[in-house]
Protein backbone atom coordinates (compact mmCIF):
# COMPACT_ATOMS: atom_id res chain seq x y z
CA MET A 1 -64.48 113.89 -36.69
CA SER A 2 -67.96 113.33 -35.03
CA GLU A 3 -69.89 110.24 -35.38
CA GLU A 4 -72.76 112.18 -36.98
CA PHE A 5 -70.59 113.55 -39.70
CA LYS A 6 -69.20 110.08 -40.29
CA GLU A 7 -72.63 108.81 -40.63
CA LYS A 8 -73.31 111.45 -43.34
CA LEU A 9 -70.11 110.43 -45.09
CA ARG A 10 -71.40 106.76 -45.01
CA GLN A 11 -74.74 107.69 -46.40
CA TYR A 12 -72.92 109.76 -49.09
CA SER A 13 -70.80 106.91 -50.15
CA GLU A 14 -73.96 104.74 -50.46
CA GLY A 15 -75.85 107.28 -52.42
CA THR A 16 -78.58 107.51 -49.74
CA LEU A 17 -77.99 111.00 -48.47
CA PRO A 18 -80.71 113.50 -49.36
CA GLU A 19 -80.05 115.97 -52.28
CA GLU A 20 -79.84 119.12 -50.15
CA GLU A 21 -77.43 117.60 -47.54
CA ARG A 22 -75.51 115.91 -50.41
CA GLU A 23 -74.71 119.51 -52.00
CA GLU A 24 -73.72 120.88 -48.58
CA LEU A 25 -71.47 117.96 -47.80
CA GLU A 26 -69.78 117.96 -51.44
CA SER A 27 -68.89 121.73 -50.60
CA GLU A 28 -67.18 120.71 -47.44
CA LEU A 29 -65.48 117.86 -49.05
CA ALA A 30 -63.87 120.14 -51.49
CA LYS A 31 -62.04 121.86 -48.55
CA LEU A 32 -61.26 119.11 -45.94
CA GLU A 33 -58.80 116.70 -47.15
CA ALA A 34 -59.04 114.72 -43.98
CA TYR A 35 -62.67 113.84 -44.60
CA GLN A 36 -61.98 112.98 -48.21
CA LEU A 37 -59.25 110.40 -47.12
CA TYR A 38 -61.71 108.86 -44.59
CA LEU A 39 -64.47 108.70 -47.33
CA GLU A 40 -62.09 107.13 -49.89
CA GLU A 41 -61.11 104.48 -47.26
CA GLN A 42 -64.79 103.78 -46.62
CA MET A 43 -65.59 103.43 -50.27
CA GLU A 44 -62.71 101.05 -51.03
CA ARG A 45 -63.64 98.87 -47.95
CA GLU A 46 -67.19 98.54 -49.27
CA GLU A 47 -65.86 97.46 -52.73
CA GLN A 48 -63.65 94.82 -51.01
CA ASP A 49 -66.75 93.67 -49.10
CA GLY A 50 -68.51 93.04 -52.38
CA GLN A 51 -71.08 95.90 -52.12
CA VAL A 52 -69.92 97.23 -55.46
CA THR A 53 -70.60 94.37 -57.95
CA GLY A 54 -70.63 93.93 -61.72
CA SER A 55 -74.38 93.65 -61.72
CA TRP A 56 -74.57 97.37 -61.25
CA THR A 57 -73.78 97.92 -64.88
CA LYS A 58 -76.62 95.56 -66.22
CA THR A 59 -80.08 96.80 -67.53
CA ASP A 60 -83.48 95.23 -66.98
CA PRO A 61 -85.20 93.27 -69.96
CA GLN A 62 -87.18 96.25 -70.82
CA GLY A 63 -83.92 98.15 -71.72
CA SER A 64 -83.97 100.64 -69.13
CA ALA A 65 -81.07 101.09 -66.67
CA ALA A 66 -81.23 99.05 -63.46
CA PRO A 67 -80.92 100.72 -60.09
CA GLY A 68 -77.55 99.23 -59.68
CA PHE A 69 -76.32 100.98 -62.85
CA LYS A 70 -77.45 104.31 -61.61
CA LYS A 71 -75.85 103.75 -58.38
CA ALA A 72 -72.57 102.84 -59.98
CA LYS A 73 -72.63 105.91 -62.02
CA LYS A 74 -73.30 107.99 -59.03
CA LYS A 75 -70.37 106.31 -57.19
CA ARG A 76 -67.97 107.07 -59.87
CA ARG A 77 -69.07 110.87 -59.98
CA GLU A 78 -68.63 110.94 -56.07
CA LYS A 79 -65.02 109.48 -56.38
CA SER A 80 -64.21 112.05 -59.04
CA ILE A 81 -65.33 114.86 -56.70
CA ILE A 82 -63.24 113.36 -53.91
CA ARG A 83 -60.03 113.18 -56.00
CA ARG A 84 -60.48 116.75 -57.43
CA GLY A 85 -61.09 118.01 -53.96
CA LYS A 86 -58.08 116.03 -52.60
CA TRP A 87 -55.57 117.26 -55.20
CA LYS A 88 -56.91 120.88 -55.06
CA ALA A 89 -56.32 120.88 -51.37
CA ARG A 90 -52.68 119.47 -51.80
CA ILE A 91 -51.88 122.04 -54.41
CA ASN A 92 -53.15 124.92 -52.26
CA ASN A 93 -51.04 123.67 -49.39
CA THR A 94 -48.08 123.50 -51.45
CA LEU A 95 -48.49 126.93 -52.82
CA THR A 96 -48.94 128.25 -49.42
CA VAL A 97 -45.83 126.57 -47.95
CA PHE A 98 -43.86 127.74 -51.05
CA SER A 99 -45.16 131.30 -50.66
CA ALA A 100 -44.27 131.34 -46.95
CA PHE A 101 -40.76 130.05 -47.78
CA LEU A 102 -40.13 132.85 -50.32
CA ILE A 103 -41.40 135.57 -48.03
CA PHE A 104 -39.09 134.09 -45.33
CA THR A 105 -36.14 134.05 -47.54
CA VAL A 106 -36.58 137.65 -48.53
CA ILE A 107 -37.03 138.85 -44.99
CA SER A 108 -34.08 136.84 -43.62
CA SER A 109 -31.90 138.34 -46.39
CA ILE A 110 -32.86 141.83 -45.48
CA ILE A 111 -32.19 141.30 -41.84
CA THR A 112 -28.77 139.50 -42.71
CA VAL A 113 -27.52 142.59 -44.64
CA VAL A 114 -28.80 145.03 -42.02
CA PHE A 115 -27.36 143.11 -39.18
CA TYR A 116 -23.84 142.79 -40.63
CA ASN A 117 -23.65 146.23 -41.93
CA THR A 118 -25.00 147.97 -38.76
CA GLY A 119 -22.04 149.61 -37.11
CA ASP A 120 -19.63 148.00 -39.45
CA ARG A 121 -20.26 144.73 -37.57
CA GLY A 122 -18.95 142.62 -40.73
CA ASP A 123 -15.90 144.63 -40.97
CA THR A 124 -15.11 144.33 -37.34
CA TYR A 125 -15.52 140.48 -37.37
CA ARG A 126 -13.13 140.43 -40.37
CA ASP A 127 -10.55 142.61 -38.59
CA VAL A 128 -10.67 140.51 -35.42
CA VAL A 129 -10.13 137.27 -37.25
CA GLU A 130 -7.25 138.60 -39.54
CA SER A 131 -5.56 140.24 -36.50
CA ALA A 132 -5.79 137.11 -34.37
CA ILE A 133 -4.06 135.05 -36.91
CA ALA A 134 -1.35 137.78 -37.63
CA VAL A 135 -0.31 137.99 -33.98
CA THR A 136 -0.31 134.24 -33.06
CA ARG A 137 0.82 132.52 -36.30
CA PRO A 138 4.41 133.88 -37.21
CA ASN A 139 4.77 135.27 -40.88
CA THR A 140 1.15 134.33 -41.63
CA THR A 141 -1.33 136.65 -43.06
CA VAL A 142 -4.81 136.16 -44.35
CA ARG A 143 -6.92 138.59 -46.24
CA LEU A 144 -10.53 137.63 -45.70
CA SER A 145 -13.61 138.52 -47.79
CA SER A 146 -17.20 138.28 -46.29
CA ASP A 147 -20.11 136.83 -48.05
CA ALA A 148 -23.59 137.08 -46.52
CA HIS A 149 -26.02 134.29 -47.21
CA TYR A 150 -29.54 133.60 -46.41
CA PHE A 151 -30.97 132.90 -43.10
CA PHE A 152 -28.80 135.18 -41.06
CA ARG A 153 -25.45 133.63 -42.11
CA MET A 154 -22.21 135.04 -43.18
CA GLU A 155 -18.80 133.38 -44.22
CA LEU A 156 -15.37 134.75 -44.00
CA SER A 157 -12.91 133.12 -46.22
CA GLY A 158 -9.49 133.89 -47.69
CA ASN A 159 -5.99 132.66 -48.52
CA MET A 160 -3.26 132.29 -45.91
CA LEU A 161 0.05 133.67 -47.02
CA LYS A 162 3.77 133.64 -46.06
CA GLN A 163 6.44 135.97 -47.34
CA VAL A 164 9.43 133.88 -48.51
CA GLY A 165 12.14 136.03 -50.19
CA SER A 166 10.42 138.94 -52.03
CA GLU A 167 7.13 136.95 -52.80
CA SER A 168 4.14 136.12 -50.88
CA ILE A 169 3.27 132.49 -51.20
CA GLN A 170 -0.06 130.70 -50.46
CA VAL A 171 0.36 128.06 -47.75
CA GLY A 172 -3.42 127.43 -47.26
CA ASN A 173 -6.79 128.77 -46.90
CA TYR A 174 -9.04 129.73 -44.11
CA SER A 175 -12.95 129.94 -43.55
CA GLN A 176 -15.32 130.71 -40.71
CA ASN A 177 -19.14 130.62 -40.66
CA PHE A 178 -21.39 132.85 -38.59
CA LEU A 179 -24.93 132.82 -37.60
CA LEU A 180 -25.66 136.51 -36.71
CA GLY A 181 -23.32 137.14 -33.84
CA LEU A 182 -22.39 133.56 -33.19
CA ALA A 183 -19.12 132.32 -34.77
CA ASN A 184 -18.19 128.65 -35.44
CA ASN A 185 -14.57 127.54 -35.20
CA GLY A 186 -12.28 128.66 -37.88
CA ILE A 187 -11.21 126.06 -40.42
CA TYR A 188 -7.58 125.81 -41.52
CA ASN A 189 -6.80 123.90 -44.70
CA TRP A 190 -3.00 123.76 -45.01
CA MET A 191 -1.34 122.99 -48.28
CA ASP A 192 1.44 121.35 -46.14
CA GLU A 193 0.63 120.06 -42.70
CA ARG A 194 4.02 121.28 -41.51
CA ASN A 195 2.78 124.71 -41.99
CA GLY A 196 0.15 124.23 -39.37
CA SER A 197 2.52 122.86 -36.88
CA GLY A 198 4.53 125.96 -36.45
CA LYS A 199 8.02 126.39 -35.41
CA VAL A 200 9.67 126.74 -31.99
CA PHE A 201 11.23 129.78 -30.35
CA TYR A 202 13.56 129.55 -27.36
CA TYR A 203 13.28 132.31 -24.64
CA PRO A 204 16.54 133.79 -23.32
CA SER A 205 17.66 132.61 -19.96
CA ALA A 206 17.71 135.04 -17.05
CA LYS A 207 21.52 135.56 -17.39
CA GLY A 208 21.15 136.30 -21.12
CA GLY A 209 22.68 133.04 -22.45
CA ALA A 210 21.18 130.74 -25.18
CA VAL A 211 18.71 128.34 -24.33
CA GLY A 212 17.15 125.58 -26.47
CA GLY A 213 19.70 122.82 -27.23
CA ASP A 214 21.68 122.09 -30.14
CA ASP A 215 20.54 123.53 -33.55
CA ASN A 216 23.51 122.16 -35.74
CA ASP A 217 21.10 120.10 -37.90
CA GLN A 218 19.26 123.39 -38.87
CA TRP A 219 22.39 125.22 -39.81
CA LYS A 220 23.60 122.12 -41.77
CA ARG A 221 20.30 121.96 -43.56
CA LEU A 222 20.53 125.73 -44.43
CA ALA A 223 24.18 125.15 -45.64
CA LYS A 224 23.09 122.42 -47.99
CA LEU A 225 20.48 124.51 -49.75
CA PRO A 226 21.64 125.88 -53.24
CA GLU A 227 22.88 129.41 -53.27
CA GLY A 228 20.14 130.52 -55.61
CA THR A 229 17.43 130.03 -53.10
CA VAL A 230 15.68 132.12 -50.47
CA ALA A 231 14.34 130.83 -47.30
CA GLU A 232 12.41 131.67 -44.02
CA ALA A 233 14.20 131.50 -40.75
CA TYR A 234 13.00 131.64 -37.25
CA LEU A 235 15.43 133.27 -35.00
CA SER A 236 15.67 133.15 -31.09
CA LEU A 237 17.57 136.03 -29.57
CA GLY A 238 20.23 135.80 -26.95
CA HIS A 239 18.47 138.36 -24.66
CA LEU A 240 15.41 140.55 -24.79
CA TYR A 241 15.53 143.57 -27.28
CA THR A 242 13.33 146.48 -27.79
CA THR A 243 11.73 146.88 -31.22
CA ASP A 244 14.20 149.59 -32.31
CA GLU A 245 17.15 147.80 -30.89
CA LEU A 246 16.28 144.66 -32.89
CA LEU A 247 15.65 146.58 -36.11
CA LYS A 248 19.03 148.32 -35.80
CA GLN A 249 20.57 144.70 -35.50
CA LEU A 250 18.70 143.70 -38.79
CA GLU A 251 19.38 146.90 -40.77
CA PRO A 252 22.92 146.01 -42.13
CA LEU A 253 21.83 142.67 -43.34
CA ASN A 254 20.38 141.76 -46.70
CA LEU A 255 17.28 140.21 -45.21
CA GLN A 256 13.50 141.09 -44.76
CA PRO A 257 12.11 140.99 -41.15
CA VAL A 258 8.48 139.71 -41.26
CA TRP A 259 7.50 139.08 -37.72
CA PHE A 260 8.55 139.74 -34.13
CA GLY A 261 7.94 137.59 -31.03
CA ALA A 262 7.04 139.66 -27.90
CA ASP A 263 7.62 138.72 -24.27
CA THR A 264 4.29 138.57 -22.49
CA GLY A 265 5.42 137.45 -19.06
CA PRO A 266 5.23 133.89 -17.76
CA SER A 267 2.44 132.92 -20.05
CA THR A 268 4.92 133.17 -22.91
CA ARG A 269 7.02 130.14 -22.14
CA ASN A 270 7.10 126.70 -20.71
CA ASP A 271 10.63 125.66 -19.51
CA ASP A 272 12.14 128.32 -21.67
CA VAL A 273 10.30 127.19 -24.84
CA VAL A 274 7.78 129.64 -26.29
CA VAL A 275 4.79 127.17 -26.85
CA TYR A 276 2.11 129.82 -27.94
CA PRO A 277 4.02 132.77 -29.49
CA LEU A 278 2.43 136.18 -29.60
CA GLY A 279 3.81 138.98 -31.58
CA PHE A 280 3.29 141.27 -34.46
CA PRO A 281 4.11 141.55 -38.16
CA TYR A 282 6.74 143.83 -39.48
CA TYR A 283 4.21 145.85 -41.37
CA PRO A 284 1.70 147.31 -38.77
CA ILE A 285 -2.04 146.30 -38.87
CA TRP A 286 -3.76 149.37 -39.57
CA TYR A 287 -7.34 149.90 -38.84
CA LYS A 288 -10.00 152.26 -40.20
CA ASP A 289 -9.53 154.96 -37.32
CA ASP A 290 -5.67 154.86 -38.08
CA MET A 291 -6.00 156.11 -41.78
CA LYS A 292 -5.61 159.62 -42.56
CA ARG A 293 -7.88 161.11 -45.36
CA SER A 294 -6.60 163.16 -48.05
CA GLU A 295 -8.37 166.18 -49.29
CA VAL A 296 -11.94 165.52 -50.37
CA THR A 297 -12.72 166.28 -54.09
CA LYS A 298 -16.22 166.85 -55.39
CA GLU A 299 -17.22 166.29 -58.99
CA LYS A 300 -20.66 167.52 -60.13
CA THR A 301 -22.52 164.89 -62.00
CA GLY A 302 -25.84 166.69 -62.57
CA TRP A 303 -27.88 169.79 -61.47
CA PHE A 304 -28.62 168.27 -58.05
CA SER A 305 -25.95 165.47 -57.68
CA SER A 306 -22.24 165.20 -57.12
CA VAL A 307 -19.62 162.56 -56.35
CA SER A 308 -17.05 163.01 -53.53
CA SER A 309 -13.80 161.09 -53.61
CA TYR A 310 -10.79 160.81 -51.27
CA SER A 311 -7.89 158.60 -50.55
CA SER A 312 -6.76 157.10 -47.19
CA VAL A 313 -3.20 157.17 -46.09
CA SER A 314 -1.67 154.91 -43.35
CA PRO A 315 0.97 156.54 -40.83
CA SER A 316 4.43 156.56 -42.19
CA VAL A 317 6.76 154.13 -40.62
CA GLU A 318 10.72 154.04 -40.75
CA ALA A 319 11.91 150.87 -42.35
CA TYR A 320 14.24 150.27 -39.46
CA GLY A 321 12.63 152.48 -36.74
CA SER A 322 9.44 153.62 -35.49
CA GLY A 323 9.44 151.13 -32.63
CA GLU A 324 7.18 153.17 -30.39
CA LEU A 325 4.48 153.42 -33.10
CA ARG A 326 4.99 149.59 -33.91
CA ASP A 327 4.64 148.80 -30.27
CA ALA A 328 1.52 151.02 -29.70
CA ASN A 329 -0.06 149.28 -32.93
CA PHE A 330 0.59 145.86 -31.36
CA ILE A 331 -0.98 146.59 -28.02
CA LYS A 332 -4.01 148.24 -29.72
CA THR A 333 -4.46 145.03 -31.81
CA LEU A 334 -4.36 142.96 -28.61
CA LYS A 335 -7.08 145.28 -27.07
CA LEU A 336 -9.36 144.72 -30.12
CA LEU A 337 -8.88 141.01 -29.45
CA GLN A 338 -9.67 141.56 -25.81
CA GLN A 339 -13.04 143.27 -26.84
CA HIS A 340 -13.99 140.27 -28.94
CA GLN A 341 -12.27 137.46 -27.07
CA THR A 342 -15.10 134.87 -27.92
CA LEU A 343 -14.63 135.45 -31.56
CA ALA A 344 -10.86 135.60 -31.57
CA GLY A 345 -10.82 132.29 -29.48
CA LYS A 346 -12.90 130.69 -32.22
CA ALA A 347 -10.17 131.53 -34.76
CA VAL A 348 -6.88 130.88 -32.87
CA TYR A 349 -5.64 129.77 -29.37
CA ILE A 350 -4.39 132.79 -27.19
CA GLU A 351 -2.83 132.03 -23.82
CA GLN A 352 -4.14 134.34 -21.09
CA LEU A 353 -4.74 137.45 -23.33
CA ASP A 354 -5.83 139.73 -20.37
CA THR A 355 -2.66 138.82 -18.40
CA SER A 356 -0.47 139.41 -21.52
CA VAL A 357 -1.94 142.85 -22.16
CA ALA A 358 -1.47 143.88 -18.70
CA TYR A 359 2.13 142.81 -18.66
CA LEU A 360 2.89 144.65 -21.91
CA GLU A 361 1.37 147.87 -20.67
CA GLN A 362 3.44 147.57 -17.37
CA ASN A 363 6.84 146.45 -18.81
CA GLY A 364 6.74 147.58 -22.44
CA VAL A 365 7.33 145.56 -25.42
CA LYS A 366 10.43 143.40 -25.38
CA LEU A 367 11.28 141.00 -28.16
CA TYR A 368 12.58 137.32 -27.71
CA GLY A 369 12.58 136.24 -31.31
CA ALA A 370 12.04 137.28 -34.97
CA VAL A 371 11.08 135.80 -38.43
CA VAL A 372 13.31 136.90 -41.35
CA THR A 373 13.58 135.92 -44.86
CA GLY A 374 16.14 136.29 -47.72
CA PRO A 375 18.88 134.71 -49.60
CA VAL A 376 20.32 131.50 -47.97
CA LYS A 377 23.87 132.93 -48.11
CA GLU A 378 22.73 135.86 -45.99
CA LEU A 379 21.03 133.67 -43.41
CA LEU A 380 24.20 131.73 -43.04
CA LYS A 381 25.97 134.74 -41.82
CA LEU A 382 23.70 134.88 -38.73
CA ARG A 383 25.57 131.85 -37.27
CA GLU A 384 28.33 134.19 -36.40
CA ALA A 385 25.90 136.88 -34.96
CA SER A 386 26.26 136.96 -31.15
CA TRP A 387 22.61 138.13 -30.63
CA VAL A 388 21.12 135.06 -32.45
CA SER A 389 20.95 132.05 -30.00
CA HIS A 390 19.00 129.57 -32.22
CA LEU A 391 17.75 129.21 -35.73
CA GLN A 392 14.94 127.07 -37.34
CA VAL A 393 14.55 126.82 -41.12
CA GLY A 394 11.04 127.40 -42.52
CA GLU A 395 9.85 127.63 -46.11
CA VAL A 396 12.37 127.41 -49.10
CA ARG A 397 11.92 128.78 -52.54
CA LEU A 398 13.95 129.35 -55.68
CA TRP A 399 15.48 132.64 -55.99
CA ASN A 400 13.00 135.53 -56.21
CA TRP A 401 15.10 138.10 -54.28
CA THR A 402 15.24 141.82 -55.27
CA GLU A 403 18.53 143.26 -54.24
């Protein structure tokens, strides 16, 4: 603010500014809040210095208004103009900011929807996170739903489930936030913290013997459970099996296999203990390009419109076979995680994914462990099975088994 303009403001506050310059200045004051604040401070300072006194309201003996009275009246009018201009400027600024915020919100919403829907990007993110959890957390699945928010954000969330007996039970929930293509770390909320710690598998020794120490306490725990209960059991195998070989071992039993642990080379184990298991669920993880469309049917809804409908069917899998198909689906899942390693790493920890995929492609899929579920009395029979080297008990529930 120039000294010349400050001088005009001072004269305006004293009522000595010529009429033409006064009108021009009042027009400027209605627009410029900074000048108005300065002028208000100047006038308050004059009042404190005693320039504005009660004598302004007096009249002369003849009954006519004294010059001080006219000056006070003019002063009140000037203050009123200043206040109106100040509030008008504030309201205009507020409306401008609010309008800009609304416009930005609408534009960001459009960009958010377009970004996550372009190239099925949102579906891909969901597939990657669901698959990462399925292959690293035995007998744990999650079905995620996506929710796009304002300002380029999206949230994936869903319940984590385990199969115990014939039922899927909720063991927690999972959520993960995205800012465009950037993902935050996934958040696991377990209903029981023991579910988050996982169980231990023991890798077969080079000679095919059992490794892993005494598991008598686990068998005793299983034996003490009431007969009318079902349980989840983590089985370590006496030697490596192909998928078809292990399924044949399980076929005669009244048990449901739910997950298989696969040998991925030296990164699989630490002193014959599997620290970071990597495997695949009993039911393959099918993707959009795996599905086969049935015949498309069209229904006419108007002169120039029609509705097409079709159903998608996943490849058929034998209950205790189709090992080659299951293995191929497992490797396909790992390659999807390879393509999105940063995102997968935000959801789970995977030990040396590239090395594991290369090992599986070179040596084939061989299994060191499995998770099964079923009646306790059936699980107890596994103690006599030569192909089972070690057992750990997982979740237990009341009878819900379908024979």
